Each structure stands twice: as C-alpha cells, then as structure tokens.
PDB file of N, CA and C in Angstrom:
ATOM      1  N   MET A   1      19.743  12.863   8.655  1.00  0.00           N
ATOM      2  CA  MET A   1      18.463  12.194   8.792  1.00  0.00           C
ATOM      3  C   MET A   1      17.655  12.341   7.503  1.00  0.00           C
ATOM      4  N   LEU A   2      17.503  13.562   7.013  1.00  0.00           N
ATOM      5  CA  LEU A   2      16.774  13.799   5.776  1.00  0.00           C
ATOM      6  C   LEU A   2      17.509  13.181   4.590  1.00  0.00           C
ATOM      7  N   LEU A   3      18.828  13.265   4.604  1.00  0.00           N
ATOM      8  CA  LEU A   3      19.619  12.676   3.535  1.00  0.00           C
ATOM      9  C   LEU A   3      19.440  11.160   3.494  1.00  0.00           C
ATOM     10  N   ASN A   4      19.395  10.515   4.664  1.00  0.00           N
ATOM     11  CA  ASN A   4      19.177   9.067   4.713  1.00  0.00           C
ATOM     12  C   ASN A   4      17.816   8.701   4.132  1.00  0.00           C
ATOM     13  N   LEU A   5      16.810   9.505   4.409  1.00  0.00           N
ATOM     14  CA  LEU A   5      15.468   9.260   3.877  1.00  0.00           C
ATOM     15  C   LEU A   5      15.463   9.385   2.362  1.00  0.00           C
ATOM     16  N   ILE A   6      16.110  10.404   1.848  1.00  0.00           N
ATOM     17  CA  ILE A   6      16.176  10.618   0.401  1.00  0.00           C
ATOM     18  C   ILE A   6      16.922   9.476  -0.267  1.00  0.00           C
ATOM     19  N   VAL A   7      18.035   9.052   0.312  1.00  0.00           N
ATOM     20  CA  VAL A   7      18.809   7.936  -0.242  1.00  0.00           C
ATOM     21  C   VAL A   7      17.982   6.658  -0.215  1.00  0.00           C
ATOM     22  N   SER A   8      17.251   6.422   0.869  1.00  0.00           N
ATOM     23  CA  SER A   8      16.410   5.228   0.967  1.00  0.00           C
ATOM     24  C   SER A   8      15.310   5.238  -0.084  1.00  0.00           C
ATOM     25  N   ILE A   9      14.722   6.391  -0.332  1.00  0.00           N
ATOM     26  CA  ILE A   9      13.686   6.489  -1.356  1.00  0.00           C
ATOM     27  C   ILE A   9      14.270   6.244  -2.745  1.00  0.00           C
ATOM     28  N   LEU A  10      15.436   6.793  -3.013  1.00  0.00           N
ATOM     29  CA  LEU A  10      16.077   6.570  -4.312  1.00  0.00           C
ATOM     30  C   LEU A  10      16.464   5.102  -4.497  1.00  0.00           C
ATOM     31  N   ILE A  11      16.980   4.488  -3.456  1.00  0.00           N
ATOM     32  CA  ILE A  11      17.314   3.062  -3.523  1.00  0.00           C
ATOM     33  C   ILE A  11      16.042   2.242  -3.712  1.00  0.00           C
ATOM     34  N   GLY A  12      14.976   2.616  -3.017  1.00  0.00           N
ATOM     35  CA  GLY A  12      13.698   1.934  -3.178  1.00  0.00           C
ATOM     36  C   GLY A  12      13.160   2.060  -4.594  1.00  0.00           C
ATOM     37  N   ALA A  13      13.300   3.234  -5.175  1.00  0.00           N
ATOM     38  CA  ALA A  13      12.851   3.433  -6.556  1.00  0.00           C
ATOM     39  C   ALA A  13      13.634   2.543  -7.514  1.00  0.00           C
ATOM     40  N   ALA A  14      14.948   2.501  -7.335  1.00  0.00           N
ATOM     41  CA  ALA A  14      15.774   1.645  -8.188  1.00  0.00           C
ATOM     42  C   ALA A  14      15.423   0.177  -7.981  1.00  0.00           C
ATOM     43  N   ALA A  15      15.236  -0.220  -6.740  1.00  0.00           N
ATOM     44  CA  ALA A  15      14.902  -1.608  -6.436  1.00  0.00           C
ATOM     45  C   ALA A  15      13.531  -1.974  -6.987  1.00  0.00           C
ATOM     46  N   GLY A  16      12.553  -1.100  -6.856  1.00  0.00           N
ATOM     47  CA  GLY A  16      11.223  -1.358  -7.406  1.00  0.00           C
ATOM     48  C   GLY A  16      11.254  -1.483  -8.913  1.00  0.00           C
ATOM     49  N   PHE A  17      12.026  -0.622  -9.575  1.00  0.00           N
ATOM     50  CA  PHE A  17      12.173  -0.694 -11.029  1.00  0.00           C
ATOM     51  C   PHE A  17      12.808  -2.025 -11.430  1.00  0.00           C
ATOM     52  N   LEU A  18      13.902  -2.380 -10.769  1.00  0.00           N
ATOM     53  CA  LEU A  18      14.585  -3.633 -11.090  1.00  0.00           C
ATOM     54  C   LEU A  18      13.701  -4.848 -10.811  1.00  0.00           C
ATOM     55  N   ALA A  19      12.982  -4.825  -9.701  1.00  0.00           N
ATOM     56  CA  ALA A  19      12.106  -5.947  -9.359  1.00  0.00           C
ATOM     57  C   ALA A  19      10.985  -6.093 -10.379  1.00  0.00           C
ATOM     58  N   GLY A  20      10.441  -4.975 -10.850  1.00  0.00           N
ATOM     59  CA  GLY A  20       9.411  -5.016 -11.887  1.00  0.00           C
ATOM     60  C   GLY A  20       9.940  -5.630 -13.165  1.00  0.00           C
ATOM     61  N   LYS A  21      11.184  -5.329 -13.518  1.00  0.00           N
ATOM     62  CA  LYS A  21      11.806  -5.915 -14.719  1.00  0.00           C
ATOM     63  C   LYS A  21      12.105  -7.398 -14.513  1.00  0.00           C
ATOM     64  N   ILE A  22      12.556  -7.764 -13.321  1.00  0.00           N
ATOM     65  CA  ILE A  22      12.884  -9.167 -13.040  1.00  0.00           C
ATOM     66  C   ILE A  22      11.626 -10.028 -13.066  1.00  0.00           C
ATOM     67  N   MET A  23      10.534  -9.503 -12.513  1.00  0.00           N
ATOM     68  CA  MET A  23       9.302 -10.288 -12.401  1.00  0.00           C
ATOM     69  C   MET A  23       8.514 -10.335 -13.713  1.00  0.00           C
ATOM     70  N   LYS A  24       8.833  -9.538 -14.688  1.00  0.00           N
ATOM     71  CA  LYS A  24       8.170  -9.516 -15.998  1.00  0.00           C
ATOM     72  C   LYS A  24       6.653  -9.557 -15.862  1.00  0.00           C
ATOM     73  N   GLY A  25       6.061  -8.418 -15.811  1.00  0.00           N
ATOM     74  CA  GLY A  25       4.620  -8.333 -15.666  1.00  0.00           C
ATOM     75  C   GLY A  25       4.192  -8.202 -14.216  1.00  0.00           C
ATOM     76  N   GLY A  26       5.135  -8.319 -13.300  1.00  0.00           N
ATOM     77  CA  GLY A  26       4.802  -8.170 -11.891  1.00  0.00           C
ATOM     78  C   GLY A  26       4.815  -6.731 -11.441  1.00  0.00           C
ATOM     79  N   GLY A  27       5.261  -5.837 -12.328  1.00  0.00           N
ATOM     80  CA  GLY A  27       5.321  -4.435 -11.973  1.00  0.00           C
ATOM     81  C   GLY A  27       3.948  -3.786 -12.018  1.00  0.00           C
ATOM     82  N   PHE A  28       3.789  -2.704 -11.289  1.00  0.00           N
ATOM     83  CA  PHE A  28       2.503  -2.031 -11.200  1.00  0.00           C
ATOM     84  C   PHE A  28       2.603  -0.559 -11.575  1.00  0.00           C
ATOM     85  N   GLY A  29       3.645  -0.153 -12.243  1.00  0.00           N
ATOM     86  CA  GLY A  29       3.839   1.252 -12.551  1.00  0.00           C
ATOM     87  C   GLY A  29       4.862   1.865 -11.602  1.00  0.00           C
ATOM     88  N   PHE A  30       5.313   3.056 -11.963  1.00  0.00           N
ATOM     89  CA  PHE A  30       6.419   3.669 -11.244  1.00  0.00           C
ATOM     90  C   PHE A  30       6.128   3.872  -9.763  1.00  0.00           C
ATOM     91  N   TRP A  31       4.993   4.477  -9.423  1.00  0.00           N
ATOM     92  CA  TRP A  31       4.732   4.844  -8.031  1.00  0.00           C
ATOM     93  C   TRP A  31       4.526   3.631  -7.134  1.00  0.00           C
ATOM     94  N   ILE A  32       3.802   2.647  -7.621  1.00  0.00           N
ATOM     95  CA  ILE A  32       3.605   1.439  -6.816  1.00  0.00           C
ATOM     96  C   ILE A  32       4.911   0.668  -6.723  1.00  0.00           C
ATOM     97  N   ASN A  33       5.672   0.613  -7.812  1.00  0.00           N
ATOM     98  CA  ASN A  33       6.982  -0.038  -7.752  1.00  0.00           C
ATOM     99  C   ASN A  33       7.913   0.671  -6.776  1.00  0.00           C
ATOM    100  N   LEU A  34       7.803   1.992  -6.690  1.00  0.00           N
ATOM    101  CA  LEU A  34       8.591   2.740  -5.713  1.00  0.00           C
ATOM    102  C   LEU A  34       8.229   2.296  -4.302  1.00  0.00           C
ATOM    103  N   LEU A  35       6.939   2.214  -4.014  1.00  0.00           N
ATOM    104  CA  LEU A  35       6.503   1.768  -2.687  1.00  0.00           C
ATOM    105  C   LEU A  35       6.919   0.325  -2.427  1.00  0.00           C
ATOM    106  N   VAL A  36       6.794  -0.521  -3.435  1.00  0.00           N
ATOM    107  CA  VAL A  36       7.213  -1.921  -3.292  1.00  0.00           C
ATOM    108  C   VAL A  36       8.718  -1.986  -3.058  1.00  0.00           C
ATOM    109  N   GLY A  37       9.477  -1.144  -3.731  1.00  0.00           N
ATOM    110  CA  GLY A  37      10.929  -1.118  -3.541  1.00  0.00           C
ATOM    111  C   GLY A  37      11.321  -0.669  -2.143  1.00  0.00           C
ATOM    112  N   VAL A  38      10.629   0.339  -1.614  1.00  0.00           N
ATOM    113  CA  VAL A  38      10.924   0.805  -0.256  1.00  0.00           C
ATOM    114  C   VAL A  38      10.559  -0.293   0.745  1.00  0.00           C
ATOM    115  N   ALA A  39       9.373  -0.888   0.571  1.00  0.00           N
ATOM    116  CA  ALA A  39       8.982  -2.001   1.446  1.00  0.00           C
ATOM    117  C   ALA A  39       9.931  -3.178   1.268  1.00  0.00           C
ATOM    118  N   GLY A  40      10.354  -3.414   0.045  1.00  0.00           N
ATOM    119  CA  GLY A  40      11.316  -4.479  -0.229  1.00  0.00           C
ATOM    120  C   GLY A  40      12.651  -4.245   0.445  1.00  0.00           C
ATOM    121  N   GLY A  41      13.012  -2.974   0.616  1.00  0.00           N
ATOM    122  CA  GLY A  41      14.239  -2.647   1.340  1.00  0.00           C
ATOM    123  C   GLY A  41      14.174  -3.123   2.783  1.00  0.00           C
ATOM    124  N   PHE A  42      13.017  -2.950   3.396  1.00  0.00           N
ATOM    125  CA  PHE A  42      12.853  -3.430   4.776  1.00  0.00           C
ATOM    126  C   PHE A  42      12.860  -4.958   4.823  1.00  0.00           C
ATOM    127  N   ILE A  43      12.142  -5.579   3.897  1.00  0.00           N
ATOM    128  CA  ILE A  43      12.099  -7.048   3.844  1.00  0.00           C
ATOM    129  C   ILE A  43      13.488  -7.598   3.546  1.00  0.00           C
ATOM    130  N   GLY A  44      14.155  -7.018   2.560  1.00  0.00           N
ATOM    131  CA  GLY A  44      15.494  -7.472   2.197  1.00  0.00           C
ATOM    132  C   GLY A  44      16.500  -7.296   3.310  1.00  0.00           C
ATOM    133  N   GLY A  45      16.319  -6.252   4.117  1.00  0.00           N
ATOM    134  CA  GLY A  45      17.210  -6.034   5.258  1.00  0.00           C
ATOM    135  C   GLY A  45      17.148  -7.170   6.259  1.00  0.00           C
ATOM    136  N   PHE A  46      15.973  -7.791   6.364  1.00  0.00           N
ATOM    137  CA  PHE A  46      15.834  -8.941   7.260  1.00  0.00           C
ATOM    138  C   PHE A  46      16.352 -10.219   6.608  1.00  0.00           C
ATOM    139  N   LEU A  47      16.151 -10.359   5.287  1.00  0.00           N
ATOM    140  CA  LEU A  47      16.549 -11.579   4.594  1.00  0.00           C
ATOM    141  C   LEU A  47      18.054 -11.668   4.382  1.00  0.00           C
ATOM    142  N   LEU A  48      18.651 -10.547   3.977  1.00  0.00           N
ATOM    143  CA  LEU A  48      20.059 -10.551   3.623  1.00  0.00           C
ATOM    144  C   LEU A  48      20.659  -9.179   3.909  1.00  0.00           C
ATOM    145  N   PRO A  49      21.057  -8.923   5.138  1.00  0.00           N
ATOM    146  CA  PRO A  49      21.574  -7.591   5.464  1.00  0.00           C
ATOM    147  C   PRO A  49      22.983  -7.361   4.886  1.00  0.00           C
ATOM    148  N   LEU A  50      23.076  -6.480   3.906  1.00  0.00           N
ATOM    149  CA  LEU A  50      24.356  -6.097   3.311  1.00  0.00           C
ATOM    150  C   LEU A  50      24.566  -4.607   3.533  1.00  0.00           C
ATOM    151  N   ASN A  51      25.818  -4.184   3.535  1.00  0.00           N
ATOM    152  CA  ASN A  51      26.142  -2.771   3.751  1.00  0.00           C
ATOM    153  C   ASN A  51      26.572  -2.128   2.451  1.00  0.00           C
ATOM    154  N   GLY A  52      26.560  -0.836   2.427  1.00  0.00           N
ATOM    155  CA  GLY A  52      26.969  -0.082   1.252  1.00  0.00           C
ATOM    156  C   GLY A  52      25.796   0.136   0.312  1.00  0.00           C
ATOM    157  N   ILE A  53      25.984   1.042  -0.624  1.00  0.00           N
ATOM    158  CA  ILE A  53      24.914   1.377  -1.569  1.00  0.00           C
ATOM    159  C   ILE A  53      24.551   0.168  -2.429  1.00  0.00           C
ATOM    160  N   VAL A  54      25.538  -0.505  -2.991  1.00  0.00           N
ATOM    161  CA  VAL A  54      25.266  -1.660  -3.849  1.00  0.00           C
ATOM    162  C   VAL A  54      24.590  -2.772  -3.049  1.00  0.00           C
ATOM    163  N   GLY A  55      25.059  -3.007  -1.849  1.00  0.00           N
ATOM    164  CA  GLY A  55      24.446  -4.023  -0.991  1.00  0.00           C
ATOM    165  C   GLY A  55      23.014  -3.682  -0.648  1.00  0.00           C
ATOM    166  N   ARG A  56      22.753  -2.404  -0.386  1.00  0.00           N
ATOM    167  CA  ARG A  56      21.381  -1.976  -0.079  1.00  0.00           C
ATOM    168  C   ARG A  56      20.478  -2.118  -1.293  1.00  0.00           C
ATOM    169  N   ILE A  57      21.001  -1.834  -2.487  1.00  0.00           N
ATOM    170  CA  ILE A  57      20.206  -2.004  -3.710  1.00  0.00           C
ATOM    171  C   ILE A  57      19.895  -3.479  -3.930  1.00  0.00           C
ATOM    172  N   ILE A  58      20.887  -4.343  -3.707  1.00  0.00           N
ATOM    173  CA  ILE A  58      20.679  -5.783  -3.877  1.00  0.00           C
ATOM    174  C   ILE A  58      19.635  -6.294  -2.890  1.00  0.00           C
ATOM    175  N   THR A  59      19.763  -5.927  -1.622  1.00  0.00           N
ATOM    176  CA  THR A  59      18.810  -6.418  -0.634  1.00  0.00           C
ATOM    177  C   THR A  59      17.416  -5.848  -0.873  1.00  0.00           C
ATOM    178  N   ALA A  60      17.323  -4.587  -1.255  1.00  0.00           N
ATOM    179  CA  ALA A  60      16.018  -3.992  -1.531  1.00  0.00           C
ATOM    180  C   ALA A  60      15.377  -4.645  -2.753  1.00  0.00           C
ATOM    181  N   THR A  61      16.186  -4.939  -3.763  1.00  0.00           N
ATOM    182  CA  THR A  61      15.661  -5.595  -4.963  1.00  0.00           C
ATOM    183  C   THR A  61      15.174  -6.995  -4.644  1.00  0.00           C
ATOM    184  N   LEU A  62      15.957  -7.755  -3.885  1.00  0.00           N
ATOM    185  CA  LEU A  62      15.522  -9.101  -3.498  1.00  0.00           C
ATOM    186  C   LEU A  62      14.241  -9.048  -2.664  1.00  0.00           C
ATOM    187  N   GLY A  63      14.172  -8.127  -1.748  1.00  0.00           N
ATOM    188  CA  GLY A  63      12.964  -7.967  -0.945  1.00  0.00           C
ATOM    189  C   GLY A  63      11.768  -7.564  -1.794  1.00  0.00           C
ATOM    190  N   ALA A  64      11.986  -6.677  -2.768  1.00  0.00           N
ATOM    191  CA  ALA A  64      10.900  -6.244  -3.650  1.00  0.00           C
ATOM    192  C   ALA A  64      10.434  -7.384  -4.545  1.00  0.00           C
ATOM    193  N   VAL A  65      11.364  -8.216  -5.010  1.00  0.00           N
ATOM    194  CA  VAL A  65      10.990  -9.381  -5.823  1.00  0.00           C
ATOM    195  C   VAL A  65      10.125 -10.331  -4.998  1.00  0.00           C
ATOM    196  N   VAL A  66      10.530 -10.583  -3.763  1.00  0.00           N
ATOM    197  CA  VAL A  66       9.744 -11.442  -2.877  1.00  0.00           C
ATOM    198  C   VAL A  66       8.356 -10.841  -2.668  1.00  0.00           C
ATOM    199  N   LEU A  67       8.307  -9.542  -2.420  1.00  0.00           N
ATOM    200  CA  LEU A  67       7.027  -8.881  -2.195  1.00  0.00           C
ATOM    201  C   LEU A  67       6.157  -8.918  -3.448  1.00  0.00           C
ATOM    202  N   LEU A  68       6.733  -8.662  -4.623  1.00  0.00           N
ATOM    203  CA  LEU A  68       5.963  -8.735  -5.868  1.00  0.00           C
ATOM    204  C   LEU A  68       5.456 -10.147  -6.114  1.00  0.00           C
ATOM    205  N   PHE A  69       6.245 -11.153  -5.775  1.00  0.00           N
ATOM    206  CA  PHE A  69       5.807 -12.539  -5.935  1.00  0.00           C
ATOM    207  C   PHE A  69       4.596 -12.814  -5.064  1.00  0.00           C
ATOM    208  N   VAL A  70       4.661 -12.389  -3.802  1.00  0.00           N
ATOM    209  CA  VAL A  70       3.543 -12.599  -2.887  1.00  0.00           C
ATOM    210  C   VAL A  70       2.309 -11.843  -3.367  1.00  0.00           C
ATOM    211  N   ILE A  71       2.490 -10.612  -3.826  1.00  0.00           N
ATOM    212  CA  ILE A  71       1.367  -9.832  -4.350  1.00  0.00           C
ATOM    213  C   ILE A  71       0.771 -10.512  -5.567  1.00  0.00           C
ATOM    214  N   SER A  72       1.624 -11.050  -6.439  1.00  0.00           N
ATOM    215  CA  SER A  72       1.122 -11.701  -7.658  1.00  0.00           C
ATOM    216  C   SER A  72       0.301 -12.951  -7.340  1.00  0.00           C
ATOM    217  N   LEU A  73       0.511 -13.561  -6.194  1.00  0.00           N
ATOM    218  CA  LEU A  73      -0.299 -14.710  -5.799  1.00  0.00           C
ATOM    219  C   LEU A  73      -1.749 -14.299  -5.539  1.00  0.00           C
ATOM    220  N   PHE A  74      -1.960 -13.058  -5.112  1.00  0.00           N
ATOM    221  CA  PHE A  74      -3.291 -12.566  -4.793  1.00  0.00           C
ATOM    222  C   PHE A  74      -3.889 -11.695  -5.893  1.00  0.00           C
ATOM    223  N   LYS A  75      -3.080 -11.355  -6.893  1.00  0.00           N
ATOM    224  CA  LYS A  75      -3.527 -10.478  -7.967  1.00  0.00           C
ATOM    225  C   LYS A  75      -4.466 -11.240  -8.899  1.00  0.00           C
ATOM    226  N   LYS A  76      -5.551 -10.582  -9.271  1.00  0.00           N
ATOM    227  CA  LYS A  76      -6.489 -11.202 -10.207  1.00  0.00           C
ATOM    228  C   LYS A  76      -5.848 -11.273 -11.577  1.00  0.00           C
ATOM    229  N   LYS A  77      -6.097 -12.347 -12.250  1.00  0.00           N
ATOM    230  CA  LYS A  77      -5.504 -12.519 -13.588  1.00  0.00           C
ATOM    231  C   LYS A  77      -6.456 -12.101 -14.656  1.00  0.00           C
TER     232      LYS A  77
END
C-alpha cells in the first residue's frame, strides 16, 4: 500500500515534469508540477488506461498535459 503510494508520487513527478516541458511555459515549478502530474495520473487513467510503469507514465503525462492546458486557459497572461 505504501509502496504503491510512493510509486504513484514518483510517476506523478515524472509526468508533471514531462508535461511542463511539453507545454513550454505551462509549467509552474517542481511542486505544482508534481501535484499536476499526480492529478494527471487520475485524469489519464480515465482517458487512456494503460498498464505497467511506462503505460502509467504515458497516461499520467497525457492527463497532466490536458490539465495544464485547462489551467492555462484560466491563467492570467
């Protein structure tokens, strides 16, 4: 149980980092990107459920990109 939580947080961190790089300027720093990556993991799980570590990273990254896009629509320029 604790191991799954740690793995999910690490995957979320990687996904948030990747999503910040993909969105170019859509990133908000390490900690917010970590939260966006974890939330993106949940969103990505609904959009494209894949299994395995690589699949989870892909789905979390896609979910984080979607979430960063939506956030950027409301972000002040």
